[in-house]
Amino acid sequence: MGSSRIGLWLNNSVYAVKKKTVWSVSHKCSIILNLSQWISKFLFITSAVAFKLQFTKTVL
């Protein structure tokens, strides 16, 4: 009885650690994805503004 209980406890511990690791990894991935989305938006806006400025300079 004792050994099976220890085995169960070990399995639960390993499962909890795996779950935690997977969660933290996916959390980091989502943060990185959000950051890259913000960076691409920012770059798009800046390039659009730069293009507009360039265009108005050319027209004027």
C-alpha atoms as a PDB file:
ATOM      1  CA  MET A   1       0.000   0.000   0.000  1.00  0.00           C
ATOM      2  CA  GLY A   2       2.757   2.407   0.959  1.00  0.00           C
ATOM      3  CA  SER A   3       4.732   2.046  -2.259  1.00  0.00           C
ATOM      4  CA  SER A   4       1.696   2.630  -4.479  1.00  0.00           C
ATOM      5  CA  ARG A   5       0.849   5.738  -2.467  1.00  0.00           C
ATOM      6  CA  ILE A   6       4.389   7.047  -2.989  1.00  0.00           C
ATOM      7  CA  GLY A   7       4.112   6.263  -6.701  1.00  0.00           C
ATOM      8  CA  LEU A   8       0.845   8.176  -6.903  1.00  0.00           C
ATOM      9  CA  TRP A   9       2.345  11.114  -5.053  1.00  0.00           C
ATOM     10  CA  LEU A  10       5.343  11.127  -7.420  1.00  0.00           C
ATOM     11  CA  ASN A  11       3.066  10.993 -10.458  1.00  0.00           C
ATOM     12  CA  ASN A  12       1.003  13.890  -9.115  1.00  0.00           C
ATOM     13  CA  SER A  13       4.133  15.913  -8.373  1.00  0.00           C
ATOM     14  CA  VAL A  14       5.579  15.308 -11.828  1.00  0.00           C
ATOM     15  CA  TYR A  15       2.234  16.172 -13.409  1.00  0.00           C
ATOM     16  CA  ALA A  16       2.004  19.402 -11.390  1.00  0.00           C
ATOM     17  CA  VAL A  17       5.536  20.415 -12.379  1.00  0.00           C
ATOM     18  CA  LYS A  18       4.869  19.628 -16.050  1.00  0.00           C
ATOM     19  CA  LYS A  19       1.624  21.595 -15.929  1.00  0.00           C
ATOM     20  CA  LYS A  20       3.395  24.558 -14.344  1.00  0.00           C
ATOM     21  CA  THR A  21       6.216  24.417 -16.897  1.00  0.00           C
ATOM     22  CA  VAL A  22       3.822  24.210 -19.835  1.00  0.00           C
ATOM     23  CA  TRP A  23       1.817  27.121 -18.437  1.00  0.00           C
ATOM     24  CA  SER A  24       4.876  29.317 -17.911  1.00  0.00           C
ATOM     25  CA  VAL A  25       6.215  28.489 -21.376  1.00  0.00           C
ATOM     26  CA  SER A  26       2.881  29.248 -23.044  1.00  0.00           C
ATOM     27  CA  HIS A  27       2.605  32.422 -20.955  1.00  0.00           C
ATOM     28  CA  LYS A  28       6.048  33.553 -22.131  1.00  0.00           C
ATOM     29  CA  CYS A  29       5.142  32.706 -25.719  1.00  0.00           C
ATOM     30  CA  SER A  30       1.959  34.776 -25.522  1.00  0.00           C
ATOM     31  CA  ILE A  31       3.912  37.719 -24.063  1.00  0.00           C
ATOM     32  CA  ILE A  32       6.445  37.448 -26.900  1.00  0.00           C
ATOM     33  CA  LEU A  33       3.634  37.245 -29.470  1.00  0.00           C
ATOM     34  CA  ASN A  34       1.949  40.313 -27.982  1.00  0.00           C
ATOM     35  CA  LEU A  35       5.241  42.199 -28.037  1.00  0.00           C
ATOM     36  CA  SER A  36       5.907  41.295 -31.656  1.00  0.00           C
ATOM     37  CA  GLN A  37       2.366  42.384 -32.578  1.00  0.00           C
ATOM     38  CA  TRP A  38       2.902  45.736 -30.858  1.00  0.00           C
ATOM     39  CA  ILE A  39       6.296  46.151 -32.533  1.00  0.00           C
ATOM     40  CA  SER A  40       4.877  45.391 -35.974  1.00  0.00           C
ATOM     41  CA  LYS A  41       1.982  47.826 -35.388  1.00  0.00           C
ATOM     42  CA  PHE A  42       4.428  50.486 -34.224  1.00  0.00           C
ATOM     43  CA  LEU A  43       6.694  49.919 -37.226  1.00  0.00           C
ATOM     44  CA  PHE A  44       3.728  50.033 -39.588  1.00  0.00           C
ATOM     45  CA  ILE A  45       2.496  53.320 -38.090  1.00  0.00           C
ATOM     46  CA  THR A  46       5.967  54.892 -38.156  1.00  0.00           C
ATOM     47  CA  SER A  47       6.583  53.814 -41.742  1.00  0.00           C
ATOM     48  CA  ALA A  48       3.150  55.146 -42.742  1.00  0.00           C
ATOM     49  CA  VAL A  49       3.884  58.486 -41.053  1.00  0.00           C
ATOM     50  CA  ALA A  50       7.346  58.640 -42.630  1.00  0.00           C
ATOM     51  CA  PHE A  51       5.850  57.863 -46.036  1.00  0.00           C
ATOM     52  CA  LYS A  52       3.230  60.603 -45.588  1.00  0.00           C
ATOM     53  CA  LEU A  53       5.905  63.112 -44.589  1.00  0.00           C
ATOM     54  CA  GLN A  54       8.045  62.117 -47.565  1.00  0.00           C
ATOM     55  CA  PHE A  55       5.019  62.350 -49.862  1.00  0.00           C
ATOM     56  CA  THR A  56       4.021  65.816 -48.605  1.00  0.00           C
ATOM     57  CA  LYS A  57       7.624  67.033 -48.964  1.00  0.00           C
ATOM     58  CA  THR A  58       7.687  65.775 -52.546  1.00  0.00           C
ATOM     59  CA  VAL A  59       4.340  67.386 -53.373  1.00  0.00           C
ATOM     60  CA  LEU A  60       5.283  70.702 -51.762  1.00  0.00           C
END
